[in-house]
Amino acid sequence: MTRSDLVEELASRFPQLTHRDAEFAVKALLDAMSDALTRGHRIELRGFGSFSINRRPPRLGRNPRSGEQVAIPEKRVPHFKPGKALREAVDEKTATIVMPTPK
């Protein structure tokens, strides 16, 4: 699902919302979440999951072309952990769907 799909779904579920209002609501929500994560806060949505920041320590990597060692600096990356209700819902819904096997 893309951002525009989410806006469409919100606008169709709530007929009192115009498409523009739904777009504004989705943008406001995502901006607030991004802002909270950049400030180092954790976001928890009960029944859905939680967003947090993980620290990746510095390490040595390799340049794939030359094989030369490259120092990779420390990073902070967003991390999502699904909640129990979401995990169970996904497991229940996808149990009947036959997933293609990777080759």
C-alpha atoms as a PDB file:
ATOM      1  CA  MET A   1       0.000   0.000   0.000  1.00  0.00           C
ATOM      2  CA  THR A   2       1.371   3.392  -0.947  1.00  0.00           C
ATOM      3  CA  ARG A   3       0.740   6.751   0.667  1.00  0.00           C
ATOM      4  CA  SER A   4      -1.786   7.670  -2.036  1.00  0.00           C
ATOM      5  CA  ASP A   5      -3.560   4.306  -1.514  1.00  0.00           C
ATOM      6  CA  LEU A   6      -3.803   5.127   2.183  1.00  0.00           C
ATOM      7  CA  VAL A   7      -5.306   8.540   1.385  1.00  0.00           C
ATOM      8  CA  GLU A   8      -7.838   6.925  -0.967  1.00  0.00           C
ATOM      9  CA  GLU A   9      -8.798   4.319   1.642  1.00  0.00           C
ATOM     10  CA  LEU A  10      -9.246   6.969   4.328  1.00  0.00           C
ATOM     11  CA  ALA A  11     -11.359   9.159   2.044  1.00  0.00           C
ATOM     12  CA  SER A  12     -13.565   6.222   1.007  1.00  0.00           C
ATOM     13  CA  ARG A  13     -14.108   4.990   4.589  1.00  0.00           C
ATOM     14  CA  PHE A  14     -15.054   8.439   5.880  1.00  0.00           C
ATOM     15  CA  PRO A  15     -17.327  10.173   3.345  1.00  0.00           C
ATOM     16  CA  GLN A  16     -17.386  13.365   5.452  1.00  0.00           C
ATOM     17  CA  LEU A  17     -13.657  13.784   4.677  1.00  0.00           C
ATOM     18  CA  THR A  18     -12.684  15.304   1.364  1.00  0.00           C
ATOM     19  CA  HIS A  19      -9.757  13.822  -0.503  1.00  0.00           C
ATOM     20  CA  ARG A  20      -7.737  16.907   0.409  1.00  0.00           C
ATOM     21  CA  ASP A  21      -8.569  16.536   4.127  1.00  0.00           C
ATOM     22  CA  ALA A  22      -7.595  12.860   4.078  1.00  0.00           C
ATOM     23  CA  GLU A  23      -4.317  13.749   2.360  1.00  0.00           C
ATOM     24  CA  PHE A  24      -3.640  16.426   4.980  1.00  0.00           C
ATOM     25  CA  ALA A  25      -4.406  13.979   7.826  1.00  0.00           C
ATOM     26  CA  VAL A  26      -2.042  11.313   6.457  1.00  0.00           C
ATOM     27  CA  LYS A  27       0.698  13.905   5.894  1.00  0.00           C
ATOM     28  CA  ALA A  28       0.265  15.339   9.412  1.00  0.00           C
ATOM     29  CA  LEU A  29       0.431  11.871  10.983  1.00  0.00           C
ATOM     30  CA  LEU A  30       3.525  10.816   9.054  1.00  0.00           C
ATOM     31  CA  ASP A  31       5.255  14.150   9.714  1.00  0.00           C
ATOM     32  CA  ALA A  32       4.550  13.865  13.453  1.00  0.00           C
ATOM     33  CA  MET A  33       5.938  10.308  13.488  1.00  0.00           C
ATOM     34  CA  SER A  34       9.058  11.332  11.560  1.00  0.00           C
ATOM     35  CA  ASP A  35       9.613  14.285  13.868  1.00  0.00           C
ATOM     36  CA  ALA A  36       9.272  12.117  16.990  1.00  0.00           C
ATOM     37  CA  LEU A  37      11.753   9.555  15.650  1.00  0.00           C
ATOM     38  CA  THR A  38      14.304  12.219  14.672  1.00  0.00           C
ATOM     39  CA  ARG A  39      14.124  13.536  18.259  1.00  0.00           C
ATOM     40  CA  GLY A  40      14.885  10.012  19.509  1.00  0.00           C
ATOM     41  CA  HIS A  41      11.429   9.211  20.857  1.00  0.00           C
ATOM     42  CA  ARG A  42       9.726   5.835  20.618  1.00  0.00           C
ATOM     43  CA  ILE A  43       6.280   5.531  19.007  1.00  0.00           C
ATOM     44  CA  GLU A  44       3.895   2.836  20.224  1.00  0.00           C
ATOM     45  CA  LEU A  45       0.555   2.133  18.546  1.00  0.00           C
ATOM     46  CA  ARG A  46      -1.319  -0.470  20.607  1.00  0.00           C
ATOM     47  CA  GLY A  47      -2.366  -3.469  18.544  1.00  0.00           C
ATOM     48  CA  PHE A  48      -0.212  -2.363  15.596  1.00  0.00           C
ATOM     49  CA  GLY A  49       3.403  -2.090  16.696  1.00  0.00           C
ATOM     50  CA  SER A  50       6.167   0.206  17.795  1.00  0.00           C
ATOM     51  CA  PHE A  51       8.742   2.327  16.005  1.00  0.00           C
ATOM     52  CA  SER A  52      12.103   3.042  17.590  1.00  0.00           C
ATOM     53  CA  ILE A  53      15.647   3.991  16.653  1.00  0.00           C
ATOM     54  CA  ASN A  54      18.379   1.336  16.542  1.00  0.00           C
ATOM     55  CA  ARG A  55      22.073   2.162  16.673  1.00  0.00           C
ATOM     56  CA  ARG A  56      24.352   0.396  14.210  1.00  0.00           C
ATOM     57  CA  PRO A  57      27.929   0.497  15.487  1.00  0.00           C
ATOM     58  CA  PRO A  58      30.844   1.461  13.230  1.00  0.00           C
ATOM     59  CA  ARG A  59      32.402  -1.438  11.344  1.00  0.00           C
ATOM     60  CA  LEU A  60      34.793  -2.355   8.576  1.00  0.00           C
ATOM     61  CA  GLY A  61      33.273  -3.251   5.225  1.00  0.00           C
ATOM     62  CA  ARG A  62      34.696  -4.039   1.810  1.00  0.00           C
ATOM     63  CA  ASN A  63      34.436  -2.229  -1.486  1.00  0.00           C
ATOM     64  CA  PRO A  64      32.902  -4.885  -3.789  1.00  0.00           C
ATOM     65  CA  ARG A  65      34.875  -3.684  -6.814  1.00  0.00           C
ATOM     66  CA  SER A  66      38.358  -3.436  -5.389  1.00  0.00           C
ATOM     67  CA  GLY A  67      38.082  -5.592  -2.260  1.00  0.00           C
ATOM     68  CA  GLU A  68      39.621  -2.707  -0.319  1.00  0.00           C
ATOM     69  CA  GLN A  69      38.544  -2.242   3.315  1.00  0.00           C
ATOM     70  CA  VAL A  70      36.270   0.719   3.976  1.00  0.00           C
ATOM     71  CA  ALA A  71      35.380   2.207   7.376  1.00  0.00           C
ATOM     72  CA  ILE A  72      31.596   2.415   7.755  1.00  0.00           C
ATOM     73  CA  PRO A  73      30.554   5.006  10.361  1.00  0.00           C
ATOM     74  CA  GLU A  74      27.973   4.560  13.116  1.00  0.00           C
ATOM     75  CA  LYS A  75      24.348   4.963  12.037  1.00  0.00           C
ATOM     76  CA  ARG A  76      20.994   5.347  13.683  1.00  0.00           C
ATOM     77  CA  VAL A  77      18.182   3.687  11.752  1.00  0.00           C
ATOM     78  CA  PRO A  78      14.411   3.419  12.287  1.00  0.00           C
ATOM     79  CA  HIS A  79      13.121   0.032  13.403  1.00  0.00           C
ATOM     80  CA  PHE A  80       9.557  -1.343  13.426  1.00  0.00           C
ATOM     81  CA  LYS A  81       8.432  -4.147  15.713  1.00  0.00           C
ATOM     82  CA  PRO A  82       4.907  -5.421  14.967  1.00  0.00           C
ATOM     83  CA  GLY A  83       2.506  -5.876  17.869  1.00  0.00           C
ATOM     84  CA  LYS A  84       0.964  -9.180  18.844  1.00  0.00           C
ATOM     85  CA  ALA A  85      -2.449  -8.373  17.316  1.00  0.00           C
ATOM     86  CA  LEU A  86      -0.867  -7.419  13.958  1.00  0.00           C
ATOM     87  CA  ARG A  87       1.339 -10.524  13.894  1.00  0.00           C
ATOM     88  CA  GLU A  88      -1.635 -12.783  14.621  1.00  0.00           C
ATOM     89  CA  ALA A  89      -3.861 -11.033  12.052  1.00  0.00           C
ATOM     90  CA  VAL A  90      -1.209 -11.337   9.334  1.00  0.00           C
ATOM     91  CA  ASP A  91      -0.567 -14.972  10.192  1.00  0.00           C
ATOM     92  CA  GLU A  92      -4.287 -15.796  10.140  1.00  0.00           C
ATOM     93  CA  LYS A  93      -5.007 -13.962   6.863  1.00  0.00           C
ATOM     94  CA  THR A  94      -1.948 -15.259   4.982  1.00  0.00           C
ATOM     95  CA  ALA A  95      -2.279 -18.880   6.130  1.00  0.00           C
ATOM     96  CA  THR A  96      -4.691 -19.598   3.260  1.00  0.00           C
ATOM     97  CA  ILE A  97      -2.645 -17.746   0.648  1.00  0.00           C
ATOM     98  CA  VAL A  98      -0.100 -19.891  -1.145  1.00  0.00           C
ATOM     99  CA  MET A  99       3.140 -17.935  -1.222  1.00  0.00           C
ATOM    100  CA  PRO A 100       5.521 -18.514  -4.173  1.00  0.00           C
ATOM    101  CA  THR A 101       8.756 -20.200  -3.191  1.00  0.00           C
ATOM    102  CA  PRO A 102      11.947 -18.216  -3.860  1.00  0.00           C
ATOM    103  CA  LYS A 103      14.290 -19.669  -6.445  1.00  0.00           C
END
